[in-house]
Amino acid sequence: MDTEKYILAIEETGKCARGQKEMIKFLRGKRLTQREAIIAACYDCQGYYADGVVDCESKLCPLYQYHPYNKNRNRMPGRSGNPDALKKALEARKQVKKEAVFKDRTRTVEQLMRNA
């Protein structure tokens, strides 16, 4: 089957769901990230979600923990994370953003002073 015909078939029969644009991007020969490749693989494996967007519940699949519609995604082994580390990282991110905004404002004031 010609690639463009395959893409057209996906657009006509497949659900517009996570994985469709990634699958089409792959078929057009473009490079995918690992995440995009996983989403495209799930879309392909699930028959383009033609019968509805659902969790495949295929726990034996090595990609299942990354499945875009996995209901238990956050409860997969090794995904619990450290709440203190997460809080610290979020605070650090906020601080970096504040510093960046302050630096931009400072630069703008300095430029205005020079131009006056």
Protein backbone atom coordinates (compact mmCIF):
# COMPACT_ATOMS: atom_id res chain seq x y z
CA MET A 1 0.00 0.00 0.00
CA ASP A 2 1.27 3.48 -0.92
CA THR A 3 2.26 5.61 2.12
CA GLU A 4 -0.15 8.44 1.25
CA LYS A 5 -3.01 5.95 0.83
CA TYR A 6 -2.08 4.47 4.22
CA ILE A 7 -2.14 7.93 5.79
CA LEU A 8 -5.50 8.67 4.17
CA ALA A 9 -6.89 5.38 5.54
CA ILE A 10 -5.69 6.32 9.03
CA GLU A 11 -7.35 9.73 8.77
CA GLU A 12 -10.61 8.22 7.50
CA THR A 13 -10.98 5.18 9.77
CA GLY A 14 -8.83 5.98 12.79
CA LYS A 15 -9.96 8.06 15.72
CA CYS A 16 -8.41 11.46 16.13
CA ALA A 17 -6.63 10.37 19.28
CA ARG A 18 -3.18 10.53 20.82
CA GLY A 19 -0.89 8.77 18.42
CA GLN A 20 -2.54 9.68 15.14
CA LYS A 21 -0.36 12.68 14.33
CA GLU A 22 2.73 10.80 15.58
CA MET A 23 1.93 7.80 13.35
CA ILE A 24 1.40 10.05 10.33
CA LYS A 25 4.63 11.91 11.12
CA PHE A 26 6.46 8.54 11.18
CA LEU A 27 4.89 7.42 7.89
CA ARG A 28 6.02 10.66 6.27
CA GLY A 29 9.60 9.75 7.19
CA LYS A 30 10.06 12.30 9.96
CA ARG A 31 12.05 11.54 13.10
CA LEU A 32 10.10 10.80 16.29
CA THR A 33 11.13 11.23 19.90
CA GLN A 34 10.99 8.15 22.10
CA ARG A 35 7.71 9.34 23.61
CA GLU A 36 6.18 9.99 20.18
CA ALA A 37 7.31 6.55 18.99
CA ILE A 38 5.64 4.86 21.96
CA ILE A 39 2.40 6.78 21.42
CA ALA A 40 2.47 5.91 17.69
CA ALA A 41 3.13 2.23 18.47
CA CYS A 42 0.14 2.13 20.84
CA TYR A 43 -2.03 3.85 18.22
CA ASP A 44 -0.99 1.28 15.62
CA CYS A 45 -1.36 -1.70 17.97
CA GLN A 46 -4.85 -0.60 19.02
CA GLY A 47 -6.06 -0.52 15.41
CA TYR A 48 -6.03 3.28 15.33
CA TYR A 49 -8.60 3.28 18.16
CA ALA A 50 -11.26 2.66 15.48
CA ASP A 51 -13.57 1.11 18.09
CA GLY A 52 -12.97 3.82 20.70
CA VAL A 53 -10.23 5.26 22.83
CA VAL A 54 -9.66 2.88 25.73
CA ASP A 55 -6.93 1.48 27.93
CA CYS A 56 -5.66 -1.71 26.24
CA GLU A 57 -4.99 -3.31 29.66
CA SER A 58 -2.20 -5.39 28.10
CA LYS A 59 -0.03 -5.69 31.20
CA LEU A 60 2.36 -8.08 29.41
CA CYS A 61 3.30 -5.42 26.87
CA PRO A 62 6.59 -3.69 27.75
CA LEU A 63 5.13 -0.36 26.59
CA TYR A 64 1.96 -0.63 28.69
CA GLN A 65 3.25 1.59 31.48
CA TYR A 66 3.64 4.35 28.85
CA HIS A 67 0.30 3.74 27.11
CA PRO A 68 -1.41 7.13 26.66
CA TYR A 69 -4.74 5.90 28.07
CA ASN A 70 -3.39 3.72 30.90
CA LYS A 71 -5.65 4.40 33.89
CA ASN A 72 -2.98 3.26 36.36
CA ARG A 73 -0.12 5.17 34.78
CA ASN A 74 0.89 7.08 37.92
CA ARG A 75 0.66 3.96 40.04
CA MET A 76 3.08 1.88 38.02
CA PRO A 77 6.09 0.48 39.89
CA GLY A 78 8.94 2.94 40.28
CA ARG A 79 6.76 5.95 39.52
CA SER A 80 5.95 7.05 43.06
CA GLY A 81 8.76 9.61 43.29
CA ASN A 82 9.95 11.53 46.30
CA PRO A 83 7.42 14.21 47.30
CA ASP A 84 10.08 16.29 49.11
CA ALA A 85 12.36 16.26 46.07
CA LEU A 86 9.45 17.24 43.81
CA LYS A 87 8.52 20.15 46.09
CA LYS A 88 12.15 21.31 46.18
CA ALA A 89 12.44 21.10 42.38
CA LEU A 90 9.24 23.11 41.87
CA GLU A 91 10.45 25.81 44.27
CA ALA A 92 13.80 25.98 42.46
CA ARG A 93 12.00 26.34 39.12
CA LYS A 94 9.89 29.21 40.48
CA GLN A 95 13.03 30.94 41.77
CA VAL A 96 14.76 30.63 38.40
CA LYS A 97 11.70 32.12 36.66
CA LYS A 98 11.60 35.04 39.13
CA GLU A 99 15.30 35.74 38.58
CA ALA A 100 14.86 35.64 34.79
CA VAL A 101 11.96 38.11 34.93
CA PHE A 102 13.94 40.40 37.24
CA LYS A 103 16.96 40.31 34.92
CA ASP A 104 14.77 41.16 31.90
CA ARG A 105 13.22 44.11 33.73
CA THR A 106 16.62 45.31 34.91
CA ARG A 107 17.99 45.19 31.38
CA THR A 108 14.98 47.13 30.09
CA VAL A 109 15.43 49.88 32.72
CA GLU A 110 19.16 50.09 31.96
CA GLN A 111 18.44 50.38 28.23
CA LEU A 112 15.91 53.15 28.89
CA MET A 113 18.44 55.03 31.03
CA ARG A 114 21.06 54.80 28.28
CA ASN A 115 18.66 55.98 25.59
CA ALA A 116 17.37 58.97 27.61
